[in-house]
């Protein structure tokens, strides 16, 4: 039996809630996590029409990118589309789960999907996050180092960029005296003991600190485990906003615009002046990404693809870069496919359905 909480656990193993922005509201918005899953509907947004689609499919879980509940609800009277949608979902026992900026901010998330659609290589996070890493220092008897490190690695520590199981170890003398009431693994009560110990340092995502410390204590042979945890200012190159990559073959500005429209299935593209230089390095950000223009410029991007640009913000291109606004819906619509791929790799006992409802509130003539 697969429960909603199993779906949530898998999604959050890919895009932890700890990586959502402070203004966001990702997570389970309606429903009971203990309920069994029958059918899942995957959508970019949740509207009344999407809930109707779920009802027709017999789906009791909607997994969406955008949260239908974004600001606090003080009443549920059906006075707007948000309240009507939530009421309809609750009445029909349909759970809604949103995976929003946390999926934007992981290296294999929304922006990587855009890069893949455009065939970009050598992709990297455009603006990596700082203050999301910690360092754990502990002291282990030398004959137990490998066992304890393995336990901490399995709990999610030791990752640095594209490297795993990273640590630093130095051997020295550890001294201690077991007092009355202790139950020492090594030594005798009332006698000072000297043991060859290794000082081990490991980097970990801050949100995994409790799990890693638990694994440390569970695997460590000592009754009392000495350790300390400190926050790092280092940027996590696997977490952050936007992405930048390169084309295999550089294109002229005009040729790239046609290439972009073809790959992203666009009818129209808003952009600044097409510069007289080849396009090789491409920066992207699904959704509203104007805040990333300085990062795109500093990384040497030839073009920046995002959405929701305001009129005066286009002037900030300043002849250095091409800004391309492809539309919010258009930039993120393939997130449905990304979520489908994430879930289909793990779950096969129930149907996964891509929503056929076009939730784009903007039309073009």
Protein backbone atom coordinates (compact mmCIF):
# COMPACT_ATOMS: atom_id res chain seq x y z
CA UNK A 1 0.00 0.00 0.00
CA UNK A 2 1.32 3.43 -0.96
CA UNK A 3 0.25 6.34 1.21
CA UNK A 4 0.40 10.06 0.51
CA UNK A 5 3.24 10.35 3.01
CA UNK A 6 5.30 7.94 0.88
CA UNK A 7 4.87 10.24 -2.13
CA UNK A 8 5.81 13.23 0.00
CA UNK A 9 8.89 11.52 1.41
CA UNK A 10 10.18 10.72 -2.07
CA UNK A 11 9.51 14.19 -3.45
CA UNK A 12 11.21 15.82 -0.48
CA UNK A 13 14.22 13.53 -0.82
CA UNK A 14 14.73 15.24 -4.20
CA UNK A 15 13.63 18.74 -3.22
CA UNK A 16 13.73 19.19 0.60
CA UNK A 17 11.25 21.66 2.06
CA UNK A 18 14.20 23.32 3.78
CA UNK A 19 15.20 24.72 0.37
CA UNK A 20 11.97 26.60 -0.29
CA UNK A 21 12.08 30.39 -0.08
CA UNK A 22 10.82 32.07 3.08
CA UNK A 23 7.75 33.48 1.31
CA UNK A 24 6.72 30.13 -0.14
CA UNK A 25 4.11 27.60 1.02
CA UNK A 26 5.22 24.25 -0.37
CA UNK A 27 4.11 21.00 1.23
CA UNK A 28 0.83 19.21 1.89
CA UNK A 29 -1.92 21.83 1.68
CA UNK A 30 -5.04 19.68 1.98
CA UNK A 31 -5.64 16.06 2.85
CA UNK A 32 -4.32 13.43 5.24
CA UNK A 33 -0.80 12.15 4.69
CA UNK A 34 -1.82 8.73 6.02
CA UNK A 35 -4.40 8.15 3.28
CA UNK A 36 -3.74 5.51 0.64
CA UNK A 37 -3.00 6.86 -2.84
CA UNK A 38 -5.30 5.70 -5.63
CA UNK A 39 -4.36 7.91 -8.58
CA UNK A 40 -2.15 11.01 -8.86
CA UNK A 41 -2.79 14.04 -11.05
CA UNK A 42 0.24 16.21 -11.81
CA UNK A 43 -0.32 19.86 -12.65
CA UNK A 44 1.50 23.17 -12.82
CA UNK A 45 -1.31 24.97 -10.98
CA UNK A 46 -4.38 23.93 -9.04
CA UNK A 47 -7.66 25.45 -10.20
CA UNK A 48 -11.28 24.39 -9.94
CA UNK A 49 -10.91 22.83 -13.40
CA UNK A 50 -7.90 20.82 -12.28
CA UNK A 51 -9.82 19.52 -9.26
CA UNK A 52 -12.69 18.56 -11.59
CA UNK A 53 -10.18 16.69 -13.74
CA UNK A 54 -8.95 14.84 -10.63
CA UNK A 55 -12.53 13.90 -9.74
CA UNK A 56 -13.15 12.50 -13.23
CA UNK A 57 -9.93 10.47 -13.06
CA UNK A 58 -10.64 9.18 -9.57
CA UNK A 59 -7.43 10.80 -8.35
CA UNK A 60 -7.18 11.56 -4.64
CA UNK A 61 -3.85 13.41 -4.82
CA UNK A 62 -2.86 16.42 -6.90
CA UNK A 63 0.85 17.20 -7.03
CA UNK A 64 1.34 20.75 -8.30
CA UNK A 65 4.24 23.11 -8.71
CA UNK A 66 2.44 26.27 -7.59
CA UNK A 67 0.72 26.31 -4.16
CA UNK A 68 -2.99 27.15 -4.39
CA UNK A 69 -2.75 28.44 -0.81
CA UNK A 70 -0.06 31.08 -0.89
CA UNK A 71 -1.24 33.62 1.63
CA UNK A 72 -3.11 32.89 4.85
CA UNK A 73 -6.78 32.01 4.49
CA UNK A 74 -8.95 33.63 7.15
CA UNK A 75 -12.19 32.12 5.86
CA UNK A 76 -13.48 29.52 3.39
CA UNK A 77 -16.66 30.99 1.94
CA UNK A 78 -15.97 30.54 -1.76
CA UNK A 79 -15.59 34.25 -2.45
CA UNK A 80 -12.63 33.75 -4.83
CA UNK A 81 -11.07 31.03 -6.98
CA UNK A 82 -8.58 30.03 -4.27
CA UNK A 83 -11.27 29.36 -1.68
CA UNK A 84 -13.55 27.64 -4.21
CA UNK A 85 -10.71 25.36 -5.32
CA UNK A 86 -9.76 24.41 -1.77
CA UNK A 87 -13.39 23.77 -0.82
CA UNK A 88 -13.92 21.55 -3.87
CA UNK A 89 -10.77 19.54 -3.09
CA UNK A 90 -11.73 19.03 0.56
CA UNK A 91 -15.32 18.07 -0.28
CA UNK A 92 -14.05 15.40 -2.65
CA UNK A 93 -11.29 14.07 -0.36
CA UNK A 94 -8.55 15.20 -2.73
CA UNK A 95 -5.17 16.01 -1.20
CA UNK A 96 -3.08 18.80 -2.69
CA UNK A 97 0.69 18.83 -2.42
CA UNK A 98 2.83 21.72 -3.75
CA UNK A 99 6.50 21.43 -4.65
CA UNK A 100 7.45 24.98 -5.58
CA UNK A 101 10.63 26.95 -4.88
CA UNK A 102 12.28 23.92 -3.28
CA UNK A 103 12.05 22.25 -6.71
CA UNK A 104 13.29 25.48 -8.31
CA UNK A 105 16.32 25.55 -6.04
CA UNK A 106 17.79 22.06 -6.51
CA UNK A 107 20.32 21.29 -9.22
CA UNK A 108 18.15 18.65 -10.91
CA UNK A 109 14.94 20.66 -10.63
CA UNK A 110 12.92 23.12 -12.71
CA UNK A 111 15.83 25.01 -14.21
CA UNK A 112 17.70 21.84 -15.14
CA UNK A 113 14.55 20.75 -17.01
CA UNK A 114 14.66 23.99 -19.02
CA UNK A 115 18.36 23.47 -19.73
CA UNK A 116 17.65 19.93 -20.91
CA UNK A 117 14.90 21.19 -23.21
CA UNK A 118 17.43 23.61 -24.72
CA UNK A 119 20.18 21.01 -24.96
CA UNK A 120 22.56 22.92 -22.69
CA UNK A 121 25.71 21.24 -21.38
CA UNK A 122 28.09 22.04 -18.50
CA UNK A 123 25.13 23.27 -16.45
CA UNK A 124 25.63 24.88 -13.05
CA UNK A 125 23.47 26.71 -10.51
CA UNK A 126 23.46 30.38 -11.47
CA UNK A 127 23.26 31.81 -7.94
CA UNK A 128 24.21 29.18 -5.33
CA UNK A 129 22.81 29.54 -1.82
CA UNK A 130 25.00 30.21 1.20
CA UNK A 131 24.30 29.36 4.86
CA UNK A 132 22.69 26.01 4.01
CA UNK A 133 25.71 23.90 4.94
CA UNK A 134 27.13 22.86 8.31
CA UNK A 135 30.32 21.16 9.50
CA UNK A 136 30.29 18.37 12.05
CA UNK A 137 33.44 17.63 14.03
CA UNK A 138 33.64 14.52 16.17
CA UNK A 139 36.21 12.25 17.82
CA UNK A 140 36.22 8.49 17.20
CA UNK A 141 38.54 5.68 18.36
CA UNK A 142 40.64 4.76 15.35
CA UNK A 143 39.33 1.20 15.11
CA UNK A 144 35.75 2.48 14.69
CA UNK A 145 36.34 5.35 12.26
CA UNK A 146 35.15 3.62 9.09
CA UNK A 147 31.98 2.27 10.72
CA UNK A 148 30.98 5.65 12.13
CA UNK A 149 31.84 7.56 8.95
CA UNK A 150 29.82 5.12 6.85
CA UNK A 151 26.81 5.69 9.12
CA UNK A 152 27.10 9.46 8.76
CA UNK A 153 27.57 9.21 4.99
CA UNK A 154 24.45 7.06 4.74
CA UNK A 155 22.54 9.76 6.63
CA UNK A 156 23.39 12.30 3.94
CA UNK A 157 26.65 13.93 4.99
CA UNK A 158 29.94 14.17 3.12
CA UNK A 159 28.71 15.60 -0.17
CA UNK A 160 30.69 18.45 -1.77
CA UNK A 161 29.59 19.34 -5.31
CA UNK A 162 29.93 16.26 -7.50
CA UNK A 163 31.87 14.39 -4.81
CA UNK A 164 30.48 12.15 -2.08
CA UNK A 165 31.82 10.58 1.13
CA UNK A 166 34.16 13.52 1.71
CA UNK A 167 35.78 13.96 5.13
CA UNK A 168 38.96 15.12 6.84
CA UNK A 169 40.64 12.93 9.46
CA UNK A 170 43.63 13.49 11.71
CA UNK A 171 44.77 11.10 14.47
CA UNK A 172 45.76 12.16 17.98
CA UNK A 173 45.42 11.24 21.65
CA UNK A 174 42.07 11.46 23.36
CA UNK A 175 42.06 11.58 27.18
CA UNK A 176 39.21 11.10 29.63
CA UNK A 177 38.47 9.81 33.14
CA UNK A 178 35.26 7.80 33.66
CA UNK A 179 33.51 9.10 36.80
CA UNK A 180 31.15 7.28 39.14
CA UNK A 181 28.00 6.17 37.36
CA UNK A 182 29.64 5.92 33.95
CA UNK A 183 29.77 2.79 31.84
CA UNK A 184 32.91 3.26 29.72
CA UNK A 185 33.55 1.25 26.58
CA UNK A 186 37.26 1.75 27.18
CA UNK A 187 38.98 2.28 30.53
CA UNK A 188 38.05 1.95 34.21
CA UNK A 189 36.06 4.16 36.56
CA UNK A 190 38.24 6.70 38.36
CA UNK A 191 41.28 6.14 36.09
CA UNK A 192 42.44 8.58 33.43
CA UNK A 193 42.56 6.86 30.03
CA UNK A 194 44.47 7.76 26.86
CA UNK A 195 43.13 6.43 23.55
CA UNK A 196 44.24 6.86 19.94
CA UNK A 197 41.36 8.81 18.43
CA UNK A 198 40.63 10.37 15.06
CA UNK A 199 39.24 13.87 14.73
CA UNK A 200 36.78 13.61 11.83
CA UNK A 201 35.28 16.62 10.05
CA UNK A 202 32.33 16.23 7.67
CA UNK A 203 30.24 18.76 5.72
CA UNK A 204 26.48 18.22 5.57
CA UNK A 205 23.29 20.00 4.49
CA UNK A 206 22.12 21.88 7.57
CA UNK A 207 18.61 20.46 7.38
CA UNK A 208 20.05 16.94 7.85
CA UNK A 209 21.92 17.81 11.06
CA UNK A 210 19.60 15.88 13.39
CA UNK A 211 19.66 12.77 11.21
CA UNK A 212 23.45 12.81 10.89
CA UNK A 213 23.99 13.36 14.63
CA UNK A 214 21.59 10.50 15.36
CA UNK A 215 23.56 8.21 13.05
CA UNK A 216 26.81 9.33 14.69
CA UNK A 217 25.57 8.51 18.18
CA UNK A 218 24.02 5.23 17.08
CA UNK A 219 27.23 3.97 15.42
CA UNK A 220 29.77 5.41 17.87
CA UNK A 221 31.14 2.94 20.44
CA UNK A 222 31.38 5.49 23.29
CA UNK A 223 28.72 6.05 25.93
CA UNK A 224 29.20 9.81 25.59
CA UNK A 225 29.97 11.13 22.09
CA UNK A 226 31.93 14.37 21.76
CA UNK A 227 31.01 16.50 18.74
CA UNK A 228 30.27 20.04 17.73
CA UNK A 229 28.31 21.49 14.86
CA UNK A 230 28.91 24.84 13.17
CA UNK A 231 27.24 26.71 10.32
CA UNK A 232 29.24 27.43 7.17
CA UNK A 233 29.10 30.49 4.95
CA UNK A 234 30.26 28.39 2.00
CA UNK A 235 27.91 28.37 -0.97
CA UNK A 236 26.28 25.06 -1.80
CA UNK A 237 26.89 24.67 -5.52
CA UNK A 238 24.02 22.15 -5.77
CA UNK A 239 21.36 24.48 -4.35
CA UNK A 240 20.24 27.90 -5.49
CA UNK A 241 18.45 30.02 -8.06
CA UNK A 242 18.57 29.75 -11.83
CA UNK A 243 21.01 27.79 -13.94
CA UNK A 244 23.62 28.50 -16.58
CA UNK A 245 24.93 26.26 -19.32
CA UNK A 246 26.35 26.22 -22.82
CA UNK A 247 25.17 25.32 -26.29
CA UNK A 248 27.15 22.64 -28.08
CA UNK A 249 27.20 24.90 -31.13
CA UNK A 250 26.98 28.67 -30.85
CA UNK A 251 24.19 30.43 -32.74
CA UNK A 252 23.48 33.94 -33.91
CA UNK A 253 21.00 35.86 -31.80
CA UNK A 254 18.21 35.53 -34.35
CA UNK A 255 18.86 31.83 -34.94
CA UNK A 256 18.80 31.22 -31.20
CA UNK A 257 15.42 32.94 -30.89
CA UNK A 258 13.98 30.54 -33.46
CA UNK A 259 15.70 27.65 -31.69
CA UNK A 260 14.24 28.78 -28.36
CA UNK A 261 10.72 29.04 -29.77
CA UNK A 262 10.99 25.56 -31.27
CA UNK A 263 12.43 23.82 -28.19
CA UNK A 264 10.05 25.47 -25.71
CA UNK A 265 7.01 25.41 -28.05
CA UNK A 266 6.56 29.19 -27.89
CA UNK A 267 4.33 31.30 -30.10
CA UNK A 268 5.82 34.60 -29.02
CA UNK A 269 8.97 35.83 -27.26
CA UNK A 270 9.61 39.25 -25.69
CA UNK A 271 13.24 40.28 -25.76
CA UNK A 272 15.66 43.18 -25.70
CA UNK A 273 17.79 44.18 -28.68
CA UNK A 274 19.43 41.21 -30.40
CA UNK A 275 23.15 41.85 -30.09
CA UNK A 276 25.67 41.36 -32.84
CA UNK A 277 27.44 38.43 -31.21
CA UNK A 278 27.05 34.69 -31.08
CA UNK A 279 25.04 32.96 -28.37
CA UNK A 280 27.03 30.33 -26.49
CA UNK A 281 26.41 30.72 -22.76
CA UNK A 282 22.76 30.69 -21.70
CA UNK A 283 21.27 31.57 -18.29
CA UNK A 284 17.75 30.49 -17.37
CA UNK A 285 15.28 30.86 -14.52
CA UNK A 286 11.81 29.37 -14.55
CA UNK A 287 9.16 31.78 -13.31
CA UNK A 288 10.03 35.28 -12.12
CA UNK A 289 13.79 35.68 -12.40
CA UNK A 290 14.66 39.32 -13.01
CA UNK A 291 16.57 39.39 -9.70
CA UNK A 292 19.14 37.06 -11.28
CA UNK A 293 20.24 39.40 -14.08
CA UNK A 294 23.39 40.58 -12.20
CA UNK A 295 24.39 36.93 -11.68
CA UNK A 296 23.76 36.13 -15.36
CA UNK A 297 25.94 39.06 -16.39
CA UNK A 298 28.72 38.24 -13.94
CA UNK A 299 28.83 34.62 -15.19
CA UNK A 300 29.25 35.84 -18.77
CA UNK A 301 25.87 34.74 -20.11
CA UNK A 302 25.06 35.91 -23.64
CA UNK A 303 21.31 35.62 -23.05
CA UNK A 304 19.05 35.37 -20.01
CA UNK A 305 15.75 33.48 -20.34
CA UNK A 306 13.07 33.99 -17.69
CA UNK A 307 9.65 35.63 -17.28
CA UNK A 308 7.61 38.37 -15.59
CA UNK A 309 9.98 41.15 -16.62
CA UNK A 310 8.69 44.68 -16.04
CA UNK A 311 9.08 47.39 -18.67
CA UNK A 312 11.86 49.37 -16.99
CA UNK A 313 13.77 46.22 -16.04
CA UNK A 314 14.44 45.48 -19.69
CA UNK A 315 16.69 48.57 -19.80
CA UNK A 316 19.04 46.78 -17.39
CA UNK A 317 20.30 44.64 -20.28
CA UNK A 318 22.29 47.79 -21.13
CA UNK A 319 23.74 46.27 -24.30
CA UNK A 320 25.62 43.59 -22.35
CA UNK A 321 23.16 40.72 -22.63
CA UNK A 322 19.87 39.76 -24.27
CA UNK A 323 16.94 39.49 -21.87
CA UNK A 324 14.20 37.13 -23.05
CA UNK A 325 10.80 36.93 -21.35
CA UNK A 326 9.02 33.76 -22.51
CA UNK A 327 6.10 33.88 -20.06
CA UNK A 328 5.68 32.39 -16.60
CA UNK A 329 3.49 29.47 -17.63
CA UNK A 330 5.62 28.76 -20.69
CA UNK A 331 8.84 28.71 -18.66
CA UNK A 332 7.51 26.19 -16.13
CA UNK A 333 4.95 24.06 -17.96
CA UNK A 334 7.48 21.24 -18.41
CA UNK A 335 7.75 20.99 -14.63
CA UNK A 336 4.82 18.59 -14.93
CA UNK A 337 7.04 16.22 -16.89
CA UNK A 338 9.81 16.63 -14.33
CA UNK A 339 7.49 15.67 -11.45
CA UNK A 340 6.14 12.75 -13.48
CA UNK A 341 9.67 11.45 -14.06
CA UNK A 342 10.57 11.79 -10.37
CA UNK A 343 7.49 9.84 -9.28
CA UNK A 344 7.55 7.21 -12.02
CA UNK A 345 11.07 6.15 -11.04
CA UNK A 346 9.80 5.17 -7.59
CA UNK A 347 6.12 4.30 -7.86
CA UNK A 348 4.39 1.96 -10.30
CA UNK A 349 1.43 0.58 -8.36
CA UNK A 350 -0.98 3.38 -9.25
CA UNK A 351 -1.63 5.69 -12.19
CA UNK A 352 0.28 8.91 -12.69
CA UNK A 353 -1.52 11.41 -14.91
CA UNK A 354 -0.36 14.66 -16.45
CA UNK A 355 -3.08 17.28 -16.23
CA UNK A 356 -4.59 18.21 -19.58
CA UNK A 357 -6.02 21.44 -18.19
CA UNK A 358 -4.28 24.53 -19.54
CA UNK A 359 -3.97 26.73 -16.49
CA UNK A 360 -2.25 29.66 -18.21
CA UNK A 361 -4.31 32.76 -17.28
CA UNK A 362 -2.75 34.73 -20.17
CA UNK A 363 -3.90 34.50 -23.78
CA UNK A 364 -2.38 35.94 -26.96
CA UNK A 365 -3.98 37.08 -30.23
